[in-house]
Amino acid sequence: MQFFAFAMAICLSQAACGACNAKFRNAPAKLPNEVLNEQVENMKIRIKFEDKVLMATLIDSKTARDFVSQLPLTLTLEDYAVTEKISDLPKKLSTEGAPSGSDPSVGDIAFYAPWGNLAIFYRDAAYANGLIILGKIDGEAAAFNVPGSMEVTIESVK
């Protein structure tokens, strides 16, 4: 009798799983490259200022995805330490799963968690606690190496 009950339970669980998965049987499967390309597309941003347009690629992290969720943004970037342009963000980004700090290089786009600001580096800088790299400018970051502030518009590329 116990064997019959056990066999019946197995059959019912298999039937239930089959019914649950029925709606997915006809869905086309995505190849690994398609999934990867989708993630990369969703993590591209455009930075516009004056007559320039720069592209950047963000890493796939919770902090970077949180940043993208705030886009589009128009920010005034201020020069900081003749190394980077910085601006406050409307709200702080998630730091879940982020490293405790980073060593930024030219072209890095980062979030400085203690202050809640965005940073775009046009020069190398030393390791900083609380600095989370979001991505990197595609190409030259020299366009940010100008005195004073600059207004930029940052938007997601679809």
N, C-alpha and C. Protein backbone atom coordinates (compact mmCIF):
# COMPACT_ATOMS: atom_id res chain seq x y z
N MET A 1 0.82 -1.19 0.00
CA MET A 1 0.00 0.00 0.00
C MET A 1 0.86 1.25 0.00
N GLN A 2 1.95 1.25 0.82
CA GLN A 2 2.82 2.41 0.86
C GLN A 2 3.48 2.64 -0.49
N PHE A 3 3.86 1.55 -1.14
CA PHE A 3 4.47 1.68 -2.45
C PHE A 3 3.50 2.34 -3.43
N PHE A 4 2.25 1.92 -3.43
CA PHE A 4 1.23 2.49 -4.32
C PHE A 4 1.07 3.99 -4.05
N ALA A 5 1.03 4.41 -2.79
CA ALA A 5 0.88 5.83 -2.44
C ALA A 5 2.11 6.62 -2.91
N PHE A 6 3.29 6.05 -2.72
CA PHE A 6 4.51 6.71 -3.15
C PHE A 6 4.54 6.88 -4.67
N ALA A 7 4.19 5.81 -5.41
CA ALA A 7 4.16 5.85 -6.87
C ALA A 7 3.15 6.87 -7.36
N MET A 8 2.00 6.95 -6.71
CA MET A 8 0.96 7.91 -7.08
C MET A 8 1.44 9.35 -6.86
N ALA A 9 2.14 9.59 -5.74
CA ALA A 9 2.66 10.92 -5.43
C ALA A 9 3.68 11.36 -6.48
N ILE A 10 4.54 10.42 -6.91
CA ILE A 10 5.53 10.73 -7.94
C ILE A 10 4.83 11.10 -9.24
N CYS A 11 3.84 10.32 -9.64
CA CYS A 11 3.11 10.59 -10.88
C CYS A 11 2.43 11.95 -10.84
N LEU A 12 1.79 12.24 -9.73
CA LEU A 12 1.09 13.52 -9.60
C LEU A 12 2.07 14.69 -9.64
N SER A 13 3.22 14.55 -9.00
CA SER A 13 4.19 15.66 -9.00
C SER A 13 4.75 15.87 -10.41
N GLN A 14 4.98 14.79 -11.16
CA GLN A 14 5.47 14.92 -12.53
C GLN A 14 4.43 15.57 -13.42
N ALA A 15 3.18 15.20 -13.23
CA ALA A 15 2.10 15.78 -14.03
C ALA A 15 1.97 17.27 -13.73
N ALA A 16 2.07 17.63 -12.45
CA ALA A 16 1.96 19.03 -12.06
C ALA A 16 3.11 19.84 -12.65
N CYS A 17 4.33 19.30 -12.61
CA CYS A 17 5.48 20.02 -13.16
C CYS A 17 5.33 20.17 -14.66
N GLY A 18 4.84 19.14 -15.31
CA GLY A 18 4.62 19.22 -16.75
C GLY A 18 3.62 20.29 -17.11
N ALA A 19 2.56 20.42 -16.34
CA ALA A 19 1.55 21.44 -16.59
C ALA A 19 2.13 22.83 -16.36
N CYS A 20 2.96 22.97 -15.32
CA CYS A 20 3.56 24.28 -15.02
C CYS A 20 4.47 24.72 -16.16
N ASN A 21 5.17 23.78 -16.75
CA ASN A 21 6.14 24.14 -17.78
C ASN A 21 5.53 24.20 -19.17
N ALA A 22 4.28 23.84 -19.31
CA ALA A 22 3.65 23.79 -20.64
C ALA A 22 3.70 25.13 -21.34
N LYS A 23 3.52 26.22 -20.63
CA LYS A 23 3.49 27.53 -21.28
C LYS A 23 4.86 27.93 -21.81
N PHE A 24 5.95 27.28 -21.38
CA PHE A 24 7.28 27.63 -21.82
C PHE A 24 7.79 26.74 -22.95
N ARG A 25 7.05 25.69 -23.27
CA ARG A 25 7.54 24.73 -24.26
C ARG A 25 7.71 25.36 -25.64
N ASN A 26 6.84 26.27 -26.04
CA ASN A 26 6.91 26.86 -27.37
C ASN A 26 7.73 28.14 -27.41
N ALA A 27 8.21 28.62 -26.27
CA ALA A 27 9.01 29.84 -26.24
C ALA A 27 10.39 29.54 -26.82
N PRO A 28 10.86 30.41 -27.73
CA PRO A 28 12.18 30.16 -28.30
C PRO A 28 13.26 30.34 -27.23
N ALA A 29 14.19 29.43 -27.23
CA ALA A 29 15.29 29.51 -26.26
C ALA A 29 16.29 30.55 -26.74
N LYS A 30 16.85 31.32 -25.81
CA LYS A 30 17.87 32.30 -26.18
C LYS A 30 19.23 31.63 -26.05
N LEU A 31 20.05 31.86 -27.03
CA LEU A 31 21.41 31.36 -26.98
C LEU A 31 22.20 32.21 -26.00
N PRO A 32 23.26 31.68 -25.41
CA PRO A 32 24.07 32.46 -24.46
C PRO A 32 24.54 33.79 -25.02
N ASN A 33 24.93 33.83 -26.30
CA ASN A 33 25.38 35.10 -26.90
C ASN A 33 24.26 36.13 -26.96
N GLU A 34 23.02 35.69 -27.21
CA GLU A 34 21.89 36.61 -27.27
C GLU A 34 21.65 37.22 -25.89
N VAL A 35 21.74 36.43 -24.85
CA VAL A 35 21.55 36.94 -23.49
C VAL A 35 22.66 37.92 -23.17
N LEU A 36 23.92 37.57 -23.48
CA LEU A 36 25.04 38.45 -23.21
C LEU A 36 24.89 39.76 -23.97
N ASN A 37 24.53 39.70 -25.26
CA ASN A 37 24.35 40.92 -26.05
C ASN A 37 23.25 41.79 -25.49
N GLU A 38 22.18 41.21 -25.01
CA GLU A 38 21.08 41.96 -24.40
C GLU A 38 21.59 42.72 -23.18
N GLN A 39 22.37 42.04 -22.32
CA GLN A 39 22.89 42.69 -21.12
C GLN A 39 23.81 43.84 -21.50
N VAL A 40 24.68 43.66 -22.49
CA VAL A 40 25.59 44.71 -22.90
C VAL A 40 24.81 45.89 -23.48
N GLU A 41 23.81 45.63 -24.33
CA GLU A 41 23.00 46.71 -24.89
C GLU A 41 22.35 47.53 -23.80
N ASN A 42 21.80 46.87 -22.81
CA ASN A 42 21.11 47.57 -21.74
C ASN A 42 22.06 48.33 -20.84
N MET A 43 23.34 48.06 -20.93
CA MET A 43 24.30 48.71 -20.05
C MET A 43 25.15 49.74 -20.81
N LYS A 44 24.69 50.19 -21.94
CA LYS A 44 25.36 51.24 -22.70
C LYS A 44 24.68 52.56 -22.36
N ILE A 45 25.50 53.61 -22.20
CA ILE A 45 24.96 54.94 -21.96
C ILE A 45 25.60 55.93 -22.93
N ARG A 46 24.91 57.06 -23.11
CA ARG A 46 25.39 58.14 -23.95
C ARG A 46 25.53 59.36 -23.05
N ILE A 47 26.65 60.05 -23.16
CA ILE A 47 26.89 61.27 -22.39
C ILE A 47 27.03 62.40 -23.39
N LYS A 48 26.12 63.38 -23.31
CA LYS A 48 26.12 64.50 -24.26
C LYS A 48 26.45 65.79 -23.53
N PHE A 49 27.33 66.58 -24.11
CA PHE A 49 27.64 67.92 -23.61
C PHE A 49 28.23 68.73 -24.75
N GLU A 50 27.94 70.04 -24.72
CA GLU A 50 28.35 70.94 -25.79
C GLU A 50 28.01 70.27 -27.12
N ASP A 51 28.98 70.11 -28.00
CA ASP A 51 28.75 69.46 -29.29
C ASP A 51 29.30 68.05 -29.34
N LYS A 52 29.53 67.48 -28.16
CA LYS A 52 30.15 66.14 -28.07
C LYS A 52 29.14 65.09 -27.60
N VAL A 53 29.36 63.89 -28.08
CA VAL A 53 28.59 62.73 -27.62
C VAL A 53 29.60 61.61 -27.37
N LEU A 54 29.63 61.13 -26.13
CA LEU A 54 30.51 60.03 -25.77
C LEU A 54 29.67 58.84 -25.37
N MET A 55 30.14 57.67 -25.71
CA MET A 55 29.47 56.44 -25.31
C MET A 55 30.27 55.83 -24.17
N ALA A 56 29.57 55.07 -23.33
CA ALA A 56 30.23 54.37 -22.24
C ALA A 56 29.55 53.02 -22.05
N THR A 57 30.29 52.09 -21.53
CA THR A 57 29.77 50.76 -21.22
C THR A 57 29.83 50.56 -19.72
N LEU A 58 28.69 50.22 -19.14
CA LEU A 58 28.62 49.97 -17.71
C LEU A 58 28.80 48.48 -17.44
N ILE A 59 29.35 48.17 -16.28
CA ILE A 59 29.48 46.77 -15.89
C ILE A 59 28.11 46.28 -15.41
N ASP A 60 27.92 45.00 -15.41
CA ASP A 60 26.65 44.45 -14.95
C ASP A 60 26.72 44.23 -13.44
N SER A 61 26.28 45.25 -12.70
CA SER A 61 26.26 45.17 -11.24
C SER A 61 24.98 45.81 -10.73
N LYS A 62 24.64 45.53 -9.51
CA LYS A 62 23.44 46.12 -8.90
C LYS A 62 23.56 47.65 -8.86
N THR A 63 24.74 48.15 -8.55
CA THR A 63 24.96 49.60 -8.48
C THR A 63 24.77 50.23 -9.86
N ALA A 64 25.34 49.63 -10.90
CA ALA A 64 25.22 50.17 -12.26
C ALA A 64 23.77 50.10 -12.74
N ARG A 65 23.07 49.00 -12.44
CA ARG A 65 21.67 48.90 -12.84
C ARG A 65 20.82 49.95 -12.12
N ASP A 66 21.13 50.22 -10.88
CA ASP A 66 20.43 51.24 -10.12
C ASP A 66 20.67 52.62 -10.75
N PHE A 67 21.91 52.86 -11.20
CA PHE A 67 22.23 54.11 -11.88
C PHE A 67 21.41 54.25 -13.16
N VAL A 68 21.37 53.21 -13.98
CA VAL A 68 20.61 53.23 -15.23
C VAL A 68 19.13 53.51 -14.98
N SER A 69 18.61 53.03 -13.85
CA SER A 69 17.19 53.25 -13.54
C SER A 69 16.88 54.73 -13.31
N GLN A 70 17.89 55.55 -13.05
CA GLN A 70 17.68 56.99 -12.83
C GLN A 70 17.77 57.79 -14.13
N LEU A 71 18.19 57.16 -15.19
CA LEU A 71 18.38 57.87 -16.46
C LEU A 71 17.06 58.10 -17.18
N PRO A 72 16.96 59.17 -17.95
CA PRO A 72 17.97 60.16 -18.29
C PRO A 72 18.17 61.18 -17.17
N LEU A 73 19.38 61.70 -17.10
CA LEU A 73 19.73 62.72 -16.12
C LEU A 73 20.46 63.87 -16.80
N THR A 74 20.19 65.07 -16.38
CA THR A 74 21.00 66.23 -16.75
C THR A 74 21.67 66.70 -15.48
N LEU A 75 22.99 66.71 -15.50
CA LEU A 75 23.79 67.03 -14.31
C LEU A 75 24.81 68.11 -14.63
N THR A 76 25.16 68.87 -13.61
CA THR A 76 26.28 69.79 -13.72
C THR A 76 27.47 69.13 -13.03
N LEU A 77 28.47 68.81 -13.83
CA LEU A 77 29.68 68.17 -13.31
C LEU A 77 30.67 69.26 -12.91
N GLU A 78 31.15 69.16 -11.69
CA GLU A 78 32.13 70.10 -11.16
C GLU A 78 33.49 69.42 -11.15
N ASP A 79 34.54 70.23 -11.36
CA ASP A 79 35.88 69.67 -11.30
C ASP A 79 36.26 69.37 -9.85
N TYR A 80 36.90 68.24 -9.65
CA TYR A 80 37.33 67.86 -8.30
C TYR A 80 38.77 67.36 -8.37
N ALA A 81 39.65 68.02 -7.65
CA ALA A 81 41.06 67.62 -7.49
C ALA A 81 41.81 67.51 -8.82
N VAL A 82 41.38 68.25 -9.82
CA VAL A 82 42.01 68.23 -11.14
C VAL A 82 42.23 66.78 -11.61
N THR A 83 41.22 65.94 -11.31
CA THR A 83 41.32 64.52 -11.61
C THR A 83 40.02 63.96 -12.16
N GLU A 84 38.91 64.52 -11.70
CA GLU A 84 37.60 63.97 -12.04
C GLU A 84 36.54 65.06 -12.08
N LYS A 85 35.45 64.76 -12.73
CA LYS A 85 34.26 65.61 -12.71
C LYS A 85 33.23 64.88 -11.85
N ILE A 86 32.59 65.61 -10.93
CA ILE A 86 31.64 64.98 -10.02
C ILE A 86 30.32 65.74 -9.99
N SER A 87 29.27 65.04 -9.61
CA SER A 87 27.95 65.64 -9.42
C SER A 87 27.14 64.76 -8.48
N ASP A 88 26.33 65.41 -7.67
CA ASP A 88 25.38 64.67 -6.84
C ASP A 88 24.36 63.99 -7.73
N LEU A 89 23.88 62.85 -7.29
CA LEU A 89 22.81 62.14 -7.98
C LEU A 89 21.50 62.41 -7.25
N PRO A 90 20.36 62.27 -7.93
CA PRO A 90 19.07 62.51 -7.26
C PRO A 90 18.86 61.63 -6.04
N LYS A 91 19.36 60.38 -6.09
CA LYS A 91 19.28 59.50 -4.93
C LYS A 91 20.50 58.59 -4.93
N LYS A 92 20.88 58.14 -3.74
CA LYS A 92 22.03 57.25 -3.61
C LYS A 92 21.73 55.91 -4.31
N LEU A 93 22.78 55.31 -4.79
CA LEU A 93 22.67 54.02 -5.48
C LEU A 93 22.88 52.88 -4.50
N SER A 94 22.38 51.73 -4.88
CA SER A 94 22.59 50.52 -4.09
C SER A 94 24.08 50.18 -4.07
N THR A 95 24.56 49.75 -2.93
CA THR A 95 25.95 49.28 -2.82
C THR A 95 26.00 47.78 -2.55
N GLU A 96 24.85 47.12 -2.71
CA GLU A 96 24.77 45.68 -2.46
C GLU A 96 25.71 44.92 -3.40
N GLY A 97 26.57 44.12 -2.81
CA GLY A 97 27.50 43.29 -3.58
C GLY A 97 28.69 44.06 -4.14
N ALA A 98 28.82 45.34 -3.80
CA ALA A 98 29.91 46.16 -4.33
C ALA A 98 31.18 45.97 -3.51
N PRO A 99 32.34 46.19 -4.14
CA PRO A 99 33.59 46.11 -3.38
C PRO A 99 33.67 47.27 -2.38
N SER A 100 34.57 47.16 -1.41
CA SER A 100 34.69 48.20 -0.39
C SER A 100 35.37 49.46 -0.92
N GLY A 101 36.00 49.36 -2.07
CA GLY A 101 36.65 50.51 -2.68
C GLY A 101 37.23 50.14 -4.02
N SER A 102 37.80 51.14 -4.72
CA SER A 102 38.35 50.89 -6.05
C SER A 102 39.53 51.82 -6.32
N ASP A 103 40.31 51.44 -7.32
CA ASP A 103 41.46 52.20 -7.79
C ASP A 103 41.12 52.69 -9.21
N PRO A 104 40.57 53.89 -9.34
CA PRO A 104 40.07 54.34 -10.64
C PRO A 104 41.18 54.72 -11.62
N SER A 105 40.88 54.57 -12.90
CA SER A 105 41.81 54.98 -13.95
C SER A 105 41.08 55.89 -14.93
N VAL A 106 41.82 56.46 -15.85
CA VAL A 106 41.26 57.39 -16.84
C VAL A 106 40.08 56.75 -17.55
N GLY A 107 38.97 57.48 -17.60
CA GLY A 107 37.78 57.01 -18.30
C GLY A 107 36.78 56.28 -17.43
N ASP A 108 37.15 55.98 -16.19
CA ASP A 108 36.22 55.27 -15.30
C ASP A 108 35.06 56.18 -14.89
N ILE A 109 33.89 55.58 -14.85
CA ILE A 109 32.69 56.23 -14.31
C ILE A 109 32.42 55.50 -13.01
N ALA A 110 32.24 56.26 -11.93
CA ALA A 110 32.12 55.63 -10.62
C ALA A 110 31.07 56.33 -9.76
N PHE A 111 30.69 55.64 -8.72
CA PHE A 111 29.79 56.17 -7.69
C PHE A 111 30.59 56.22 -6.40
N TYR A 112 30.65 57.41 -5.78
CA TYR A 112 31.32 57.53 -4.50
C TYR A 112 30.25 57.48 -3.42
N ALA A 113 30.10 56.31 -2.82
CA ALA A 113 28.99 56.04 -1.89
C ALA A 113 28.94 56.98 -0.69
N PRO A 114 30.09 57.33 -0.05
CA PRO A 114 29.98 58.20 1.12
C PRO A 114 29.32 59.55 0.83
N TRP A 115 29.52 60.08 -0.35
CA TRP A 115 28.93 61.38 -0.70
C TRP A 115 27.69 61.23 -1.57
N GLY A 116 27.49 60.08 -2.18
CA GLY A 116 26.35 59.87 -3.06
C GLY A 116 26.49 60.54 -4.42
N ASN A 117 27.74 60.66 -4.89
CA ASN A 117 27.91 61.37 -6.16
C ASN A 117 28.50 60.48 -7.26
N LEU A 118 28.26 60.95 -8.48
CA LEU A 118 28.81 60.33 -9.68
C LEU A 118 30.17 60.96 -9.92
N ALA A 119 31.13 60.18 -10.41
CA ALA A 119 32.46 60.69 -10.73
C ALA A 119 32.88 60.14 -12.09
N ILE A 120 33.42 61.02 -12.92
CA ILE A 120 33.99 60.61 -14.20
C ILE A 120 35.45 61.04 -14.18
N PHE A 121 36.35 60.06 -14.25
CA PHE A 121 37.78 60.32 -14.10
C PHE A 121 38.43 60.63 -15.44
N TYR A 122 39.13 61.77 -15.51
CA TYR A 122 39.91 62.09 -16.69
C TYR A 122 41.41 61.96 -16.41
N ARG A 123 41.75 61.60 -15.17
CA ARG A 123 43.12 61.26 -14.78
C ARG A 123 43.06 60.06 -13.84
N ASP A 124 44.17 59.34 -13.76
CA ASP A 124 44.25 58.24 -12.79
C ASP A 124 44.18 58.81 -11.38
N ALA A 125 43.67 58.03 -10.46
CA ALA A 125 43.58 58.45 -9.06
C ALA A 125 43.95 57.26 -8.18
N ALA A 126 44.18 57.57 -6.91
CA ALA A 126 44.54 56.53 -5.94
C ALA A 126 43.30 55.77 -5.49
N TYR A 127 43.55 54.61 -4.92
CA TYR A 127 42.47 53.79 -4.35
C TYR A 127 41.67 54.64 -3.36
N ALA A 128 40.34 54.47 -3.40
CA ALA A 128 39.47 55.19 -2.45
C ALA A 128 38.43 54.23 -1.89
N ASN A 129 38.31 54.21 -0.57
CA ASN A 129 37.24 53.45 0.08
C ASN A 129 35.91 54.05 -0.32
N GLY A 130 34.93 53.20 -0.60
CA GLY A 130 33.59 53.67 -0.94
C GLY A 130 33.39 54.02 -2.39
N LEU A 131 34.43 53.91 -3.21
CA LEU A 131 34.33 54.20 -4.64
C LEU A 131 33.96 52.93 -5.39
N ILE A 132 32.87 52.98 -6.12
CA ILE A 132 32.36 51.81 -6.85
C ILE A 132 32.39 52.12 -8.34
N ILE A 133 33.17 51.38 -9.09
CA ILE A 133 33.26 51.59 -10.54
C ILE A 133 31.95 51.11 -11.18
N LEU A 134 31.36 51.99 -12.00
CA LEU A 134 30.13 51.66 -12.72
C LEU A 134 30.42 51.21 -14.15
N GLY A 135 31.46 51.76 -14.74
CA GLY A 135 31.78 51.44 -16.12
C GLY A 135 32.92 52.30 -16.61
N LYS A 136 33.01 52.41 -17.94
CA LYS A 136 34.14 53.13 -18.54
C LYS A 136 33.68 53.82 -19.83
N ILE A 137 34.24 55.01 -20.04
CA ILE A 137 34.02 55.73 -21.29
C ILE A 137 34.61 54.90 -22.42
N ASP A 138 33.85 54.75 -23.52
CA ASP A 138 34.36 54.06 -24.70
C ASP A 138 35.20 55.07 -25.49
N GLY A 139 36.49 54.93 -25.45
CA GLY A 139 37.35 55.89 -26.14
C GLY A 139 38.02 56.83 -25.17
N GLU A 140 38.27 58.05 -25.61
CA GLU A 140 39.02 59.04 -24.84
C GLU A 140 38.16 59.79 -23.84
N ALA A 141 38.68 59.96 -22.63
CA ALA A 141 38.00 60.73 -21.59
C ALA A 141 38.55 62.15 -21.50
N ALA A 142 39.45 62.52 -22.41
CA ALA A 142 40.09 63.83 -22.38
C ALA A 142 39.09 64.98 -22.48
N ALA A 143 37.92 64.73 -23.04
CA ALA A 143 36.91 65.79 -23.18
C ALA A 143 36.46 66.33 -21.82
N PHE A 144 36.68 65.55 -20.75
CA PHE A 144 36.31 66.01 -19.41
C PHE A 144 37.43 66.81 -18.75
N ASN A 145 38.61 66.80 -19.37
CA ASN A 145 39.76 67.52 -18.81
C ASN A 145 39.71 68.98 -19.26
N VAL A 146 38.71 69.68 -18.77
CA VAL A 146 38.54 71.11 -19.05
C VAL A 146 38.30 71.82 -17.71
N PRO A 147 38.75 73.07 -17.61
CA PRO A 147 38.54 73.77 -16.34
C PRO A 147 37.05 74.04 -16.08
N GLY A 148 36.70 74.10 -14.81
CA GLY A 148 35.35 74.49 -14.41
C GLY A 148 34.32 73.40 -14.56
N SER A 149 33.06 73.83 -14.51
CA SER A 149 31.94 72.89 -14.55
C SER A 149 31.44 72.71 -15.98
N MET A 150 30.65 71.67 -16.15
CA MET A 150 30.05 71.38 -17.46
C MET A 150 28.71 70.70 -17.25
N GLU A 151 27.75 71.03 -18.09
CA GLU A 151 26.43 70.39 -18.00
C GLU A 151 26.41 69.23 -18.98
N VAL A 152 25.99 68.07 -18.49
CA VAL A 152 25.91 66.87 -19.33
C VAL A 152 24.53 66.24 -19.22
N THR A 153 24.15 65.57 -20.27
CA THR A 153 22.95 64.75 -20.25
C THR A 153 23.39 63.32 -20.44
N ILE A 154 22.95 62.46 -19.53
CA ILE A 154 23.32 61.05 -19.59
C ILE A 154 22.05 60.26 -19.81
N GLU A 155 22.06 59.40 -20.83
CA GLU A 155 20.88 58.60 -21.13
C GLU A 155 21.26 57.19 -21.48
N SER A 156 20.32 56.30 -21.27
CA SER A 156 20.50 54.90 -21.61
C SER A 156 20.38 54.74 -23.11
N VAL A 157 21.17 53.85 -23.67
CA VAL A 157 21.09 53.56 -25.10
C VAL A 157 20.27 52.30 -25.26
N LYS A 158 19.21 52.36 -25.98
CA LYS A 158 18.32 51.21 -26.18
C LYS A 158 18.66 50.50 -27.46
